[in-house]
Amino acid sequence: MILMKDIIREGHPTLRQRSEEVSFPLSEEDRKLAEDLLQYVINSQDDEMIEKYDLRPGVGIAAPQVNQAKRIFALHFDETSGENLSLIAINPKIVSHSVEKAYLTAGEGCLSVDRAIPGYVPRHARITIKAFNLEGEEYKMRLKGLPAIAFQHELDHLNGVMFFDHINPKNPFAEIENAMPIGRDSDE
C-alpha cells in the first residue's frame, strides 16, 4: 500500500526525468505498481482511510511520484465528484485535443508538492486518449473537464513536467484566451 512517505517530493530528480515505456506482458512488479497507484487514489478519497493512514486526497498519481520512472498512472473519480471514472493508464498518449482550453479556478495541486502554488494552469478542455490496461489491451477514451485536466497533469509527470511549469510566472492569474474555467477544488 502506498503511503505519503512513499511519495517523492518536488526537487527529487525522478520527477524531472522522462519515464520509460512499459513492455507487455507486464512484469509482476509493474502490475503491482499499477494496482497500488489506483488503490492509493481510491483510498485517498475515503475519509476513514485518510484518517487511518494520514493520506492526502488526490484524483491521480503517476509512477514517477513513487520514484518509478515508468509510463504508468492511475485516475479515480467517484460519483460524488460528478464523474465516474477509474482507470489505470499504461503508456498513455493524447491522440487529439480541442483548441479550447480549460483551467481550474482554484489552481492545481500535486501530491508531490507540499505548498500551494497559486495560478491558472492552461490545459486542453477536451482530449482523446489512448492507453493500455493491465492485460495489455489498448483502449481509447474521450475526456473533458476535470478528468481531462487530471489526465494531462498525470501525463506531464511521465514527461518530467510539473503543473507549475505551465503557470504564467509574470501574471499567474492572467486570463487564458479561449479557456473555460472549471470551479472545483482538486488536489491532483
Protein backbone atom coordinates (compact mmCIF):
# COMPACT_ATOMS: atom_id res chain seq x y z
CA MET A 1 0.00 0.00 0.00
CA ILE A 2 1.32 3.42 -0.98
CA LEU A 3 1.51 5.94 1.88
CA MET A 4 2.51 9.61 1.89
CA LYS A 5 6.06 8.63 2.95
CA ASP A 6 6.37 6.71 -0.35
CA ILE A 7 5.58 9.76 -2.48
CA ILE A 8 8.66 11.72 -3.50
CA ARG A 9 8.54 15.49 -3.32
CA GLU A 10 9.35 18.40 -5.58
CA GLY A 11 13.10 18.68 -6.11
CA HIS A 12 13.61 14.90 -6.44
CA PRO A 13 15.34 14.19 -9.80
CA THR A 14 12.90 11.40 -10.81
CA LEU A 15 10.11 14.00 -11.06
CA ARG A 16 12.07 15.78 -13.80
CA GLN A 17 13.01 12.82 -15.99
CA ARG A 18 11.11 11.30 -18.88
CA SER A 19 9.67 7.92 -17.90
CA GLU A 20 10.28 4.73 -19.87
CA GLU A 21 7.59 2.86 -21.81
CA VAL A 22 6.43 -0.33 -20.13
CA SER A 23 6.51 -3.63 -22.05
CA PHE A 24 3.84 -6.32 -22.14
CA PRO A 25 3.04 -8.75 -20.74
CA LEU A 26 3.52 -6.74 -17.56
CA SER A 27 6.03 -7.97 -15.02
CA GLU A 28 4.55 -8.77 -11.60
CA GLU A 29 6.36 -5.67 -10.31
CA ASP A 30 4.76 -3.37 -12.92
CA ARG A 31 1.30 -4.91 -12.41
CA LYS A 32 1.56 -4.40 -8.64
CA LEU A 33 2.79 -0.82 -9.15
CA ALA A 34 -0.21 -0.01 -11.38
CA GLU A 35 -2.67 -1.62 -8.97
CA ASP A 36 -1.08 0.16 -5.98
CA LEU A 37 -1.33 3.54 -7.74
CA LEU A 38 -5.04 3.04 -8.36
CA GLN A 39 -5.57 1.82 -4.81
CA TYR A 40 -3.87 4.95 -3.45
CA VAL A 41 -6.28 7.33 -5.19
CA ILE A 42 -9.27 5.21 -4.17
CA ASN A 43 -8.05 5.14 -0.55
CA SER A 44 -7.26 8.85 -0.60
CA GLN A 45 -10.93 9.64 -1.30
CA ASP A 46 -12.18 7.53 1.61
CA ASP A 47 -12.49 9.53 4.84
CA GLU A 48 -11.74 6.51 7.05
CA MET A 49 -8.60 5.62 5.09
CA ILE A 50 -7.45 9.26 5.06
CA GLU A 51 -7.79 9.38 8.85
CA LYS A 52 -6.26 5.96 9.50
CA TYR A 53 -3.22 6.34 7.22
CA ASP A 54 -2.83 10.15 7.12
CA LEU A 55 -3.34 10.28 3.33
CA ARG A 56 -3.64 13.40 1.22
CA PRO A 57 -6.65 13.25 -1.07
CA GLY A 58 -5.99 13.04 -4.78
CA VAL A 59 -7.67 12.03 -8.03
CA GLY A 60 -4.50 10.88 -9.76
CA ILE A 61 -1.00 9.62 -9.12
CA ALA A 62 1.80 8.70 -11.51
CA ALA A 63 4.58 6.11 -11.15
CA PRO A 64 7.35 8.78 -11.06
CA GLN A 65 5.75 10.13 -7.87
CA VAL A 66 6.69 6.88 -6.13
CA ASN A 67 10.19 7.06 -7.66
CA GLN A 68 9.45 4.67 -10.56
CA ALA A 69 10.30 6.26 -13.94
CA LYS A 70 7.68 4.21 -15.78
CA ARG A 71 4.83 5.37 -18.04
CA ILE A 72 2.00 4.34 -15.71
CA PHE A 73 -0.57 6.38 -13.84
CA ALA A 74 -3.97 5.98 -12.23
CA LEU A 75 -7.02 8.24 -12.04
CA HIS A 76 -10.09 7.80 -9.87
CA PHE A 77 -13.23 9.90 -9.63
CA ASP A 78 -16.19 8.55 -7.70
CA GLU A 79 -19.80 9.52 -8.31
CA THR A 80 -19.67 12.24 -5.63
CA SER A 81 -17.35 14.25 -7.87
CA GLY A 82 -19.99 14.26 -10.61
CA GLU A 83 -17.71 11.94 -12.59
CA ASN A 84 -17.49 8.19 -12.51
CA LEU A 85 -14.12 7.14 -13.83
CA SER A 86 -11.48 4.79 -12.51
CA LEU A 87 -8.57 3.81 -14.70
CA ILE A 88 -5.01 2.65 -14.97
CA ALA A 89 -3.20 4.15 -17.96
CA ILE A 90 -0.09 2.38 -19.21
CA ASN A 91 1.97 4.03 -21.96
CA PRO A 92 -0.76 6.71 -22.35
CA LYS A 93 -0.91 9.21 -25.20
CA ILE A 94 -3.14 12.09 -26.21
CA VAL A 95 -4.12 11.42 -29.83
CA SER A 96 -6.19 14.59 -30.33
CA HIS A 97 -7.28 17.62 -28.35
CA SER A 98 -9.56 20.62 -28.53
CA VAL A 99 -8.33 24.10 -29.41
CA GLU A 100 -10.38 25.31 -26.45
CA LYS A 101 -8.52 25.37 -23.15
CA ALA A 102 -9.72 24.81 -19.59
CA TYR A 103 -8.28 25.53 -16.17
CA LEU A 104 -9.20 25.01 -12.53
CA THR A 105 -10.16 28.32 -10.95
CA ALA A 106 -8.69 27.10 -7.64
CA GLY A 107 -5.45 26.11 -9.39
CA GLU A 108 -3.95 22.63 -9.37
CA GLY A 109 -2.35 20.75 -6.52
CA CYS A 110 0.01 17.81 -6.51
CA LEU A 111 0.79 15.04 -4.04
CA SER A 112 4.49 15.70 -4.70
CA VAL A 113 4.21 19.42 -3.92
CA ASP A 114 3.78 20.39 -0.27
CA ARG A 115 2.99 24.04 -0.90
CA ALA A 116 0.16 25.93 -2.52
CA ILE A 117 1.23 27.40 -5.86
CA PRO A 118 -1.30 29.99 -7.00
CA GLY A 119 -2.09 30.46 -10.65
CA TYR A 120 -4.02 29.11 -13.59
CA VAL A 121 -2.71 26.03 -15.40
CA PRO A 122 -3.95 26.04 -19.00
CA ARG A 123 -4.95 22.60 -20.28
CA HIS A 124 -6.88 21.28 -23.27
CA ALA A 125 -10.62 21.29 -22.47
CA ARG A 126 -11.23 18.01 -24.34
CA ILE A 127 -8.83 15.23 -25.24
CA THR A 128 -8.96 11.85 -26.92
CA ILE A 129 -6.52 9.44 -25.33
CA LYS A 130 -5.09 6.00 -25.96
CA ALA A 131 -3.54 3.82 -23.29
CA PHE A 132 -3.16 0.18 -22.32
CA ASN A 133 -4.80 -1.67 -19.44
CA LEU A 134 -3.19 -4.28 -17.16
CA GLU A 135 -3.84 -7.02 -19.74
CA GLY A 136 -2.04 -5.10 -22.48
CA GLU A 137 -5.26 -4.22 -24.32
CA GLU A 138 -5.33 -0.79 -25.88
CA TYR A 139 -8.30 1.44 -25.11
CA LYS A 140 -9.38 4.83 -26.39
CA MET A 141 -11.46 7.41 -24.50
CA ARG A 142 -12.66 10.96 -24.81
CA LEU A 143 -12.29 13.07 -21.69
CA LYS A 144 -13.43 16.58 -20.85
CA GLY A 145 -13.45 18.86 -17.86
CA LEU A 146 -11.82 17.66 -14.64
CA PRO A 147 -10.87 14.15 -15.91
CA ALA A 148 -9.19 15.74 -18.97
CA ILE A 149 -7.25 18.13 -16.74
CA ALA A 150 -6.22 15.32 -14.37
CA PHE A 151 -5.12 13.11 -17.29
CA GLN A 152 -2.93 15.90 -18.67
CA HIS A 153 -1.48 16.58 -15.20
CA GLU A 154 -0.51 12.90 -14.80
CA LEU A 155 0.80 12.62 -18.36
CA ASP A 156 3.04 15.62 -17.61
CA HIS A 157 4.55 13.63 -14.71
CA LEU A 158 5.59 10.93 -17.18
CA ASN A 159 7.42 13.60 -19.18
CA GLY A 160 9.18 15.25 -16.24
CA VAL A 161 6.87 18.28 -16.25
CA MET A 162 5.32 19.77 -13.11
CA PHE A 163 1.97 21.59 -13.16
CA PHE A 164 3.52 24.90 -12.09
CA ASP A 165 5.71 24.88 -15.22
CA HIS A 166 2.54 25.93 -17.09
CA ILE A 167 1.70 28.90 -14.84
CA ASN A 168 2.47 32.33 -16.25
CA PRO A 169 5.33 33.50 -13.99
CA LYS A 170 4.71 37.20 -14.60
CA ASN A 171 0.94 37.04 -14.09
CA PRO A 172 -0.24 33.73 -12.55
CA PHE A 173 -3.91 34.70 -12.84
CA ALA A 174 -3.73 36.17 -16.35
CA GLU A 175 -6.84 35.43 -18.35
CA ILE A 176 -6.31 32.41 -20.57
CA GLU A 177 -7.56 33.05 -24.07
CA ASN A 178 -10.28 30.71 -25.36
CA ALA A 179 -10.48 28.94 -22.00
CA MET A 180 -13.26 27.50 -19.88
CA PRO A 181 -12.89 27.97 -16.10
CA ILE A 182 -13.71 24.89 -14.03
CA GLY A 183 -14.60 25.72 -10.46
CA ARG A 184 -13.97 22.58 -8.48
CA ASP A 185 -11.29 22.28 -5.82
CA SER A 186 -8.98 19.38 -6.52
CA ASP A 187 -5.65 18.09 -5.42
CA GLU A 188 -4.12 16.11 -8.23
